[in-house]
PDB file of N, CA and C in Angstrom:
ATOM      1  N   MET A   1      94.206 100.674 -51.570  1.00  0.00           N
ATOM      2  CA  MET A   1      94.412 102.096 -51.385  1.00  0.00           C
ATOM      3  C   MET A   1      93.923 102.536 -50.007  1.00  0.00           C
ATOM      4  N   LYS A   2      92.932 101.829 -49.471  1.00  0.00           N
ATOM      5  CA  LYS A   2      92.398 102.221 -48.173  1.00  0.00           C
ATOM      6  C   LYS A   2      93.382 101.926 -47.045  1.00  0.00           C
ATOM      7  N   ILE A   3      94.137 100.843 -47.166  1.00  0.00           N
ATOM      8  CA  ILE A   3      95.052 100.452 -46.088  1.00  0.00           C
ATOM      9  C   ILE A   3      96.174 101.475 -45.914  1.00  0.00           C
ATOM     10  N   PRO A   4      96.844 101.947 -46.984  1.00  0.00           N
ATOM     11  CA  PRO A   4      97.885 102.966 -46.776  1.00  0.00           C
ATOM     12  C   PRO A   4      97.332 104.267 -46.186  1.00  0.00           C
ATOM     13  N   ILE A   5      96.128 104.649 -46.592  1.00  0.00           N
ATOM     14  CA  ILE A   5      95.530 105.872 -46.048  1.00  0.00           C
ATOM     15  C   ILE A   5      95.207 105.681 -44.574  1.00  0.00           C
ATOM     16  N   ALA A   6      94.655 104.522 -44.222  1.00  0.00           N
ATOM     17  CA  ALA A   6      94.347 104.249 -42.821  1.00  0.00           C
ATOM     18  C   ALA A   6      95.619 104.187 -41.986  1.00  0.00           C
ATOM     19  N   LEU A   7      96.665 103.588 -42.541  1.00  0.00           N
ATOM     20  CA  LEU A   7      97.939 103.504 -41.832  1.00  0.00           C
ATOM     21  C   LEU A   7      98.545 104.898 -41.647  1.00  0.00           C
ATOM     22  N   LEU A   8      98.484 105.702 -42.685  1.00  0.00           N
ATOM     23  CA  LEU A   8      98.993 107.062 -42.601  1.00  0.00           C
ATOM     24  C   LEU A   8      98.202 107.885 -41.582  1.00  0.00           C
ATOM     25  N   ALA A   9      96.897 107.721 -41.563  1.00  0.00           N
ATOM     26  CA  ALA A   9      96.064 108.439 -40.598  1.00  0.00           C
ATOM     27  C   ALA A   9      96.378 108.006 -39.177  1.00  0.00           C
ATOM     28  N   SER A  10      96.603 106.721 -38.963  1.00  0.00           N
ATOM     29  CA  SER A  10      96.932 106.215 -37.627  1.00  0.00           C
ATOM     30  C   SER A  10      98.275 106.745 -37.146  1.00  0.00           C
ATOM     31  N   VAL A  11      99.269 106.748 -38.030  1.00  0.00           N
ATOM     32  CA  VAL A  11     100.593 107.253 -37.659  1.00  0.00           C
ATOM     33  C   VAL A  11     100.521 108.747 -37.362  1.00  0.00           C
ATOM     34  N   THR A  12      99.784 109.475 -38.170  1.00  0.00           N
ATOM     35  CA  THR A  12      99.634 110.914 -37.948  1.00  0.00           C
ATOM     36  C   THR A  12      98.957 111.189 -36.613  1.00  0.00           C
ATOM     37  N   ALA A  13      97.929 110.418 -36.296  1.00  0.00           N
ATOM     38  CA  ALA A  13      97.233 110.606 -35.022  1.00  0.00           C
ATOM     39  C   ALA A  13      98.137 110.265 -33.848  1.00  0.00           C
ATOM     40  N   ALA A  14      98.950 109.236 -33.995  1.00  0.00           N
ATOM     41  CA  ALA A  14      99.855 108.849 -32.910  1.00  0.00           C
ATOM     42  C   ALA A  14     100.930 109.905 -32.689  1.00  0.00           C
ATOM     43  N   ILE A  15     101.407 110.511 -33.756  1.00  0.00           N
ATOM     44  CA  ILE A  15     102.436 111.546 -33.621  1.00  0.00           C
ATOM     45  C   ILE A  15     101.842 112.825 -33.032  1.00  0.00           C
ATOM     46  N   ALA A  16     100.624 113.139 -33.427  1.00  0.00           N
ATOM     47  CA  ALA A  16      99.998 114.385 -32.987  1.00  0.00           C
ATOM     48  C   ALA A  16      99.400 114.287 -31.595  1.00  0.00           C
ATOM     49  N   ALA A  17      99.288 113.096 -31.035  1.00  0.00           N
ATOM     50  CA  ALA A  17      98.674 112.930 -29.718  1.00  0.00           C
ATOM     51  C   ALA A  17      99.554 113.558 -28.642  1.00  0.00           C
ATOM     52  N   PRO A  18      98.934 114.217 -27.676  1.00  0.00           N
ATOM     53  CA  PRO A  18      99.733 114.816 -26.604  1.00  0.00           C
ATOM     54  C   PRO A  18     100.323 113.746 -25.691  1.00  0.00           C
ATOM     55  N   ILE A  19     101.467 114.049 -25.124  1.00  0.00           N
ATOM     56  CA  ILE A  19     102.110 113.125 -24.199  1.00  0.00           C
ATOM     57  C   ILE A  19     101.615 113.459 -22.798  1.00  0.00           C
ATOM     58  N   ALA A  20     101.146 112.463 -22.079  1.00  0.00           N
ATOM     59  CA  ALA A  20     100.583 112.686 -20.755  1.00  0.00           C
ATOM     60  C   ALA A  20     101.654 113.147 -19.782  1.00  0.00           C
ATOM     61  N   GLN A  21     101.278 114.080 -18.930  1.00  0.00           N
ATOM     62  CA  GLN A  21     102.194 114.571 -17.898  1.00  0.00           C
ATOM     63  C   GLN A  21     102.167 113.592 -16.737  1.00  0.00           C
ATOM     64  N   GLY A  22     103.318 113.044 -16.382  1.00  0.00           N
ATOM     65  CA  GLY A  22     103.374 112.045 -15.321  1.00  0.00           C
ATOM     66  C   GLY A  22     103.152 112.624 -13.943  1.00  0.00           C
ATOM     67  N   SER A  23     103.804 113.743 -13.637  1.00  0.00           N
ATOM     68  CA  SER A  23     103.625 114.367 -12.330  1.00  0.00           C
ATOM     69  C   SER A  23     103.908 115.851 -12.464  1.00  0.00           C
ATOM     70  N   TYR A  24     103.611 116.562 -11.419  1.00  0.00           N
ATOM     71  CA  TYR A  24     103.844 117.997 -11.414  1.00  0.00           C
ATOM     72  C   TYR A  24     105.038 118.360 -10.529  1.00  0.00           C
ATOM     73  N   ASP A  25     105.893 117.399 -10.234  1.00  0.00           N
ATOM     74  CA  ASP A  25     107.023 117.627  -9.341  1.00  0.00           C
ATOM     75  C   ASP A  25     108.062 118.574  -9.936  1.00  0.00           C
ATOM     76  N   ASP A  26     108.203 118.588 -11.237  1.00  0.00           N
ATOM     77  CA  ASP A  26     109.262 119.391 -11.834  1.00  0.00           C
ATOM     78  C   ASP A  26     108.819 120.811 -12.201  1.00  0.00           C
ATOM     79  N   TYR A  27     107.677 121.247 -11.705  1.00  0.00           N
ATOM     80  CA  TYR A  27     107.238 122.604 -12.004  1.00  0.00           C
ATOM     81  C   TYR A  27     107.906 123.634 -11.114  1.00  0.00           C
ATOM     82  N   GLY A  28     108.538 123.222 -10.023  1.00  0.00           N
ATOM     83  CA  GLY A  28     109.257 124.158  -9.168  1.00  0.00           C
ATOM     84  C   GLY A  28     108.440 124.616  -7.983  1.00  0.00           C
ATOM     85  N   ASP A  29     109.055 125.482  -7.210  1.00  0.00           N
ATOM     86  CA  ASP A  29     108.447 125.986  -5.989  1.00  0.00           C
ATOM     87  C   ASP A  29     108.103 127.458  -6.205  1.00  0.00           C
ATOM     88  N   TYR A  30     106.898 127.823  -5.887  1.00  0.00           N
ATOM     89  CA  TYR A  30     106.452 129.201  -6.079  1.00  0.00           C
ATOM     90  C   TYR A  30     106.448 129.986  -4.770  1.00  0.00           C
ATOM     91  N   ALA A  31     107.191 129.526  -3.758  1.00  0.00           N
ATOM     92  CA  ALA A  31     107.180 130.180  -2.450  1.00  0.00           C
ATOM     93  C   ALA A  31     107.764 131.588  -2.513  1.00  0.00           C
ATOM     94  N   ASP A  32     108.755 131.839  -3.339  1.00  0.00           N
ATOM     95  CA  ASP A  32     109.408 133.148  -3.382  1.00  0.00           C
ATOM     96  C   ASP A  32     108.840 134.079  -4.450  1.00  0.00           C
ATOM     97  N   VAL A  33     107.796 133.670  -5.110  1.00  0.00           N
ATOM     98  CA  VAL A  33     107.211 134.499  -6.160  1.00  0.00           C
ATOM     99  C   VAL A  33     106.277 135.514  -5.509  1.00  0.00           C
ATOM    100  N   PRO A  34     106.500 136.805  -5.725  1.00  0.00           N
ATOM    101  CA  PRO A  34     105.615 137.801  -5.104  1.00  0.00           C
ATOM    102  C   PRO A  34     104.251 137.816  -5.788  1.00  0.00           C
ATOM    103  N   THR A  35     103.236 138.082  -5.006  1.00  0.00           N
ATOM    104  CA  THR A  35     101.900 138.177  -5.580  1.00  0.00           C
ATOM    105  C   THR A  35     101.773 139.518  -6.293  1.00  0.00           C
ATOM    106  N   PRO A  36     101.047 139.569  -7.376  1.00  0.00           N
ATOM    107  CA  PRO A  36     100.915 140.826  -8.104  1.00  0.00           C
ATOM    108  C   PRO A  36     100.069 141.816  -7.302  1.00  0.00           C
ATOM    109  N   PRO A  37     100.312 143.107  -7.462  1.00  0.00           N
ATOM    110  CA  PRO A  37      99.496 144.083  -6.735  1.00  0.00           C
ATOM    111  C   PRO A  37      98.082 144.124  -7.310  1.00  0.00           C
ATOM    112  N   VAL A  38      97.136 144.281  -6.432  1.00  0.00           N
ATOM    113  CA  VAL A  38      95.738 144.352  -6.846  1.00  0.00           C
ATOM    114  C   VAL A  38      95.307 145.801  -6.763  1.00  0.00           C
ATOM    115  N   GLY A  39      94.732 146.303  -7.809  1.00  0.00           N
ATOM    116  CA  GLY A  39      94.354 147.716  -7.872  1.00  0.00           C
ATOM    117  C   GLY A  39      92.955 147.996  -7.373  1.00  0.00           C
ATOM    118  N   ASN A  40      92.546 147.406  -6.255  1.00  0.00           N
ATOM    119  CA  ASN A  40      91.221 147.705  -5.723  1.00  0.00           C
ATOM    120  C   ASN A  40      91.234 149.062  -5.030  1.00  0.00           C
ATOM    121  N   PRO A  41      90.173 149.830  -5.165  1.00  0.00           N
ATOM    122  CA  PRO A  41      90.132 151.120  -4.468  1.00  0.00           C
ATOM    123  C   PRO A  41      89.956 150.903  -2.964  1.00  0.00           C
ATOM    124  N   PRO A  42      90.374 151.856  -2.156  1.00  0.00           N
ATOM    125  CA  PRO A  42      90.195 151.703  -0.712  1.00  0.00           C
ATOM    126  C   PRO A  42      88.717 151.777  -0.340  1.00  0.00           C
ATOM    127  N   PRO A  43      88.329 151.212   0.795  1.00  0.00           N
ATOM    128  CA  PRO A  43      86.921 151.290   1.206  1.00  0.00           C
ATOM    129  C   PRO A  43      86.544 152.724   1.558  1.00  0.00           C
ATOM    130  N   PRO A  44      85.260 153.049   1.589  1.00  0.00           N
ATOM    131  CA  PRO A  44      84.847 154.405   1.946  1.00  0.00           C
ATOM    132  C   PRO A  44      85.242 154.741   3.385  1.00  0.00           C
ATOM    133  N   ALA A  45      85.215 156.020   3.719  1.00  0.00           N
ATOM    134  CA  ALA A  45      85.711 156.479   5.018  1.00  0.00           C
ATOM    135  C   ALA A  45      84.989 155.817   6.187  1.00  0.00           C
ATOM    136  N   GLY A  46      83.706 155.660   6.100  1.00  0.00           N
ATOM    137  CA  GLY A  46      82.952 155.059   7.204  1.00  0.00           C
ATOM    138  C   GLY A  46      82.848 153.557   7.088  1.00  0.00           C
ATOM    139  N   GLY A  47      83.529 152.977   6.145  1.00  0.00           N
ATOM    140  CA  GLY A  47      83.401 151.543   5.906  1.00  0.00           C
ATOM    141  C   GLY A  47      82.151 151.269   5.084  1.00  0.00           C
ATOM    142  N   TYR A  48      81.886 150.017   4.857  1.00  0.00           N
ATOM    143  CA  TYR A  48      80.716 149.668   4.055  1.00  0.00           C
ATOM    144  C   TYR A  48      79.459 149.640   4.907  1.00  0.00           C
ATOM    145  N   GLY A  49      79.591 149.288   6.171  1.00  0.00           N
ATOM    146  CA  GLY A  49      78.477 149.356   7.099  1.00  0.00           C
ATOM    147  C   GLY A  49      77.291 148.520   6.677  1.00  0.00           C
ATOM    148  N   SER A  50      76.130 148.998   7.038  1.00  0.00           N
ATOM    149  CA  SER A  50      74.894 148.278   6.772  1.00  0.00           C
ATOM    150  C   SER A  50      74.084 149.049   5.745  1.00  0.00           C
ATOM    151  N   TYR A  51      73.298 148.352   5.006  1.00  0.00           N
ATOM    152  CA  TYR A  51      72.440 149.007   4.031  1.00  0.00           C
ATOM    153  C   TYR A  51      71.152 149.510   4.664  1.00  0.00           C
ATOM    154  N   GLY A  52      70.930 149.208   5.918  1.00  0.00           N
ATOM    155  CA  GLY A  52      69.757 149.714   6.608  1.00  0.00           C
ATOM    156  C   GLY A  52      68.596 148.746   6.558  1.00  0.00           C
ATOM    157  N   ASP A  53      67.493 149.210   7.073  1.00  0.00           N
ATOM    158  CA  ASP A  53      66.290 148.394   7.179  1.00  0.00           C
ATOM    159  C   ASP A  53      65.259 148.945   6.203  1.00  0.00           C
ATOM    160  N   TYR A  54      64.815 148.126   5.297  1.00  0.00           N
ATOM    161  CA  TYR A  54      63.846 148.566   4.292  1.00  0.00           C
ATOM    162  C   TYR A  54      62.430 148.110   4.622  1.00  0.00           C
ATOM    163  N   SER A  55      62.146 147.772   5.876  1.00  0.00           N
ATOM    164  CA  SER A  55      60.833 147.217   6.206  1.00  0.00           C
ATOM    165  C   SER A  55      59.719 148.249   6.076  1.00  0.00           C
ATOM    166  N   ASN A  56      59.992 149.530   6.255  1.00  0.00           N
ATOM    167  CA  ASN A  56      58.933 150.545   6.188  1.00  0.00           C
ATOM    168  C   ASN A  56      58.897 151.265   4.844  1.00  0.00           C
ATOM    169  N   VAL A  57      59.666 150.819   3.885  1.00  0.00           N
ATOM    170  CA  VAL A  57      59.703 151.474   2.583  1.00  0.00           C
ATOM    171  C   VAL A  57      58.600 150.885   1.708  1.00  0.00           C
ATOM    172  N   PRO A  58      57.698 151.728   1.193  1.00  0.00           N
ATOM    173  CA  PRO A  58      56.629 151.180   0.344  1.00  0.00           C
ATOM    174  C   PRO A  58      57.187 150.726  -1.004  1.00  0.00           C
ATOM    175  N   THR A  59      56.548 149.731  -1.565  1.00  0.00           N
ATOM    176  CA  THR A  59      56.969 149.260  -2.883  1.00  0.00           C
ATOM    177  C   THR A  59      56.522 150.266  -3.932  1.00  0.00           C
ATOM    178  N   PRO A  60      57.306 150.480  -4.961  1.00  0.00           N
ATOM    179  CA  PRO A  60      56.908 151.442  -5.982  1.00  0.00           C
ATOM    180  C   PRO A  60      55.727 150.902  -6.791  1.00  0.00           C
ATOM    181  N   PRO A  61      54.863 151.793  -7.267  1.00  0.00           N
ATOM    182  CA  PRO A  61      53.729 151.320  -8.063  1.00  0.00           C
ATOM    183  C   PRO A  61      54.201 150.775  -9.410  1.00  0.00           C
ATOM    184  N   VAL A  62      53.560 149.719  -9.843  1.00  0.00           N
ATOM    185  CA  VAL A  62      53.888 149.106 -11.125  1.00  0.00           C
ATOM    186  C   VAL A  62      52.727 149.349 -12.072  1.00  0.00           C
ATOM    187  N   GLU A  63      53.020 149.917 -13.217  1.00  0.00           N
ATOM    188  CA  GLU A  63      51.970 150.203 -14.190  1.00  0.00           C
ATOM    189  C   GLU A  63      51.884 149.052 -15.181  1.00  0.00           C
ATOM    190  N   ASN A  64      50.950 148.148 -14.948  1.00  0.00           N
ATOM    191  CA  ASN A  64      50.754 147.029 -15.864  1.00  0.00           C
ATOM    192  C   ASN A  64      49.889 147.467 -17.035  1.00  0.00           C
ATOM    193  N   PRO A  65      50.198 147.022 -18.226  1.00  0.00           N
ATOM    194  CA  PRO A  65      49.353 147.376 -19.371  1.00  0.00           C
ATOM    195  C   PRO A  65      48.013 146.650 -19.276  1.00  0.00           C
ATOM    196  N   PRO A  66      46.985 147.196 -19.910  1.00  0.00           N
ATOM    197  CA  PRO A  66      45.684 146.517 -19.875  1.00  0.00           C
ATOM    198  C   PRO A  66      45.741 145.201 -20.648  1.00  0.00           C
ATOM    199  N   PRO A  67      44.851 144.256 -20.326  1.00  0.00           N
ATOM    200  CA  PRO A  67      44.841 142.986 -21.058  1.00  0.00           C
ATOM    201  C   PRO A  67      44.416 143.201 -22.508  1.00  0.00           C
ATOM    202  N   PRO A  68      44.736 142.265 -23.389  1.00  0.00           N
ATOM    203  CA  PRO A  68      44.327 142.410 -24.789  1.00  0.00           C
ATOM    204  C   PRO A  68      42.807 142.386 -24.926  1.00  0.00           C
ATOM    205  N   ALA A  69      42.322 142.908 -26.037  1.00  0.00           N
ATOM    206  CA  ALA A  69      40.881 143.054 -26.248  1.00  0.00           C
ATOM    207  C   ALA A  69      40.159 141.716 -26.180  1.00  0.00           C
ATOM    208  N   GLY A  70      40.743 140.661 -26.720  1.00  0.00           N
ATOM    209  CA  GLY A  70      40.085 139.356 -26.716  1.00  0.00           C
ATOM    210  C   GLY A  70      40.351 138.563 -25.449  1.00  0.00           C
ATOM    211  N   GLY A  71      41.005 139.147 -24.489  1.00  0.00           N
ATOM    212  CA  GLY A  71      41.367 138.420 -23.276  1.00  0.00           C
ATOM    213  C   GLY A  71      42.633 137.613 -23.525  1.00  0.00           C
ATOM    214  N   TYR A  72      43.034 136.874 -22.537  1.00  0.00           N
ATOM    215  CA  TYR A  72      44.264 136.096 -22.661  1.00  0.00           C
ATOM    216  C   TYR A  72      44.032 134.712 -23.258  1.00  0.00           C
ATOM    217  N   GLY A  73      42.786 134.318 -23.474  1.00  0.00           N
ATOM    218  CA  GLY A  73      42.520 132.976 -23.979  1.00  0.00           C
ATOM    219  C   GLY A  73      42.524 132.873 -25.492  1.00  0.00           C
ATOM    220  N   ALA A  74      42.718 133.955 -26.207  1.00  0.00           N
ATOM    221  CA  ALA A  74      42.615 133.950 -27.660  1.00  0.00           C
ATOM    222  C   ALA A  74      43.997 133.805 -28.295  1.00  0.00           C
ATOM    223  N   TYR A  75      44.644 132.680 -28.107  1.00  0.00           N
ATOM    224  CA  TYR A  75      45.976 132.481 -28.673  1.00  0.00           C
ATOM    225  C   TYR A  75      45.962 131.733 -30.001  1.00  0.00           C
ATOM    226  N   GLY A  76      44.830 131.303 -30.477  1.00  0.00           N
ATOM    227  CA  GLY A  76      44.783 130.589 -31.747  1.00  0.00           C
ATOM    228  C   GLY A  76      44.630 129.096 -31.539  1.00  0.00           C
ATOM    229  N   ASP A  77      44.821 128.331 -32.611  1.00  0.00           N
ATOM    230  CA  ASP A  77      44.572 126.891 -32.545  1.00  0.00           C
ATOM    231  C   ASP A  77      45.849 126.073 -32.402  1.00  0.00           C
ATOM    232  N   TYR A  78      47.006 126.691 -32.322  1.00  0.00           N
ATOM    233  CA  TYR A  78      48.303 126.030 -32.163  1.00  0.00           C
ATOM    234  C   TYR A  78      48.681 125.134 -33.335  1.00  0.00           C
ATOM    235  N   GLY A  79      48.008 125.224 -34.440  1.00  0.00           N
ATOM    236  CA  GLY A  79      48.392 124.508 -35.653  1.00  0.00           C
ATOM    237  C   GLY A  79      48.503 123.013 -35.485  1.00  0.00           C
ATOM    238  N   SER A  80      49.658 122.453 -35.814  1.00  0.00           N
ATOM    239  CA  SER A  80      49.823 121.000 -35.814  1.00  0.00           C
ATOM    240  C   SER A  80      49.877 120.432 -34.407  1.00  0.00           C
ATOM    241  N   TYR A  81      50.104 121.260 -33.396  1.00  0.00           N
ATOM    242  CA  TYR A  81      50.170 120.743 -32.032  1.00  0.00           C
ATOM    243  C   TYR A  81      48.858 120.069 -31.650  1.00  0.00           C
ATOM    244  N   LYS A  82      47.717 120.730 -31.976  1.00  0.00           N
ATOM    245  CA  LYS A  82      46.425 120.128 -31.640  1.00  0.00           C
ATOM    246  C   LYS A  82      46.170 118.880 -32.478  1.00  0.00           C
ATOM    247  N   ARG A  83      46.611 118.885 -33.732  1.00  0.00           N
ATOM    248  CA  ARG A  83      46.412 117.689 -34.554  1.00  0.00           C
ATOM    249  C   ARG A  83      47.209 116.525 -33.974  1.00  0.00           C
ATOM    250  N   ASP A  84      48.436 116.786 -33.549  1.00  0.00           N
ATOM    251  CA  ASP A  84      49.255 115.727 -32.961  1.00  0.00           C
ATOM    252  C   ASP A  84      48.643 115.221 -31.663  1.00  0.00           C
ATOM    253  N   GLU A  85      48.097 116.129 -30.855  1.00  0.00           N
ATOM    254  CA  GLU A  85      47.456 115.720 -29.609  1.00  0.00           C
ATOM    255  C   GLU A  85      46.209 114.888 -29.898  1.00  0.00           C
ATOM    256  N   ALA A  86      45.450 115.274 -30.928  1.00  0.00           N
ATOM    257  CA  ALA A  86      44.250 114.514 -31.267  1.00  0.00           C
ATOM    258  C   ALA A  86      44.628 113.109 -31.722  1.00  0.00           C
ATOM    259  N   LYS A  87      45.697 112.981 -32.504  1.00  0.00           N
ATOM    260  CA  LYS A  87      46.147 111.656 -32.933  1.00  0.00           C
ATOM    261  C   LYS A  87      46.603 110.831 -31.736  1.00  0.00           C
ATOM    262  N   LYS A  88      47.279 111.462 -30.803  1.00  0.00           N
ATOM    263  CA  LYS A  88      47.795 110.753 -29.638  1.00  0.00           C
ATOM    264  C   LYS A  88      46.642 110.277 -28.738  1.00  0.00           C
ATOM    265  N   ASN A  89      45.592 111.110 -28.613  1.00  0.00           N
ATOM    266  CA  ASN A  89      44.471 110.758 -27.744  1.00  0.00           C
ATOM    267  C   ASN A  89      43.598 109.668 -28.340  1.00  0.00           C
ATOM    268  N   THR A  90      43.522 109.577 -29.655  1.00  0.00           N
ATOM    269  CA  THR A  90      42.694 108.541 -30.277  1.00  0.00           C
ATOM    270  C   THR A  90      43.436 107.219 -30.380  1.00  0.00           C
ATOM    271  N   ALA A  91      44.735 107.252 -30.276  1.00  0.00           N
ATOM    272  CA  ALA A  91      45.514 106.023 -30.417  1.00  0.00           C
ATOM    273  C   ALA A  91      45.466 105.171 -29.168  1.00  0.00           C
TER     274      ALA A  91
END
């Protein structure tokens, strides 16, 4: 029973397989095809110009939140990560 199913699957795969394209010579010439219009808006009246020099512009203040009450070192014991590291270090 396995052989007819395998044979049927092989024939189906061979029929469904794409046929490779040998060359692109028969696709034609696109020299006379007009390009589609692009709907970009016109540039501004003065052009895009330069964005200027930002060297004298102060940076805006950033309001950072205060650190947590226990500091940043109180993240816990990392559960099994420390156990795995302990096993690795003793081995």
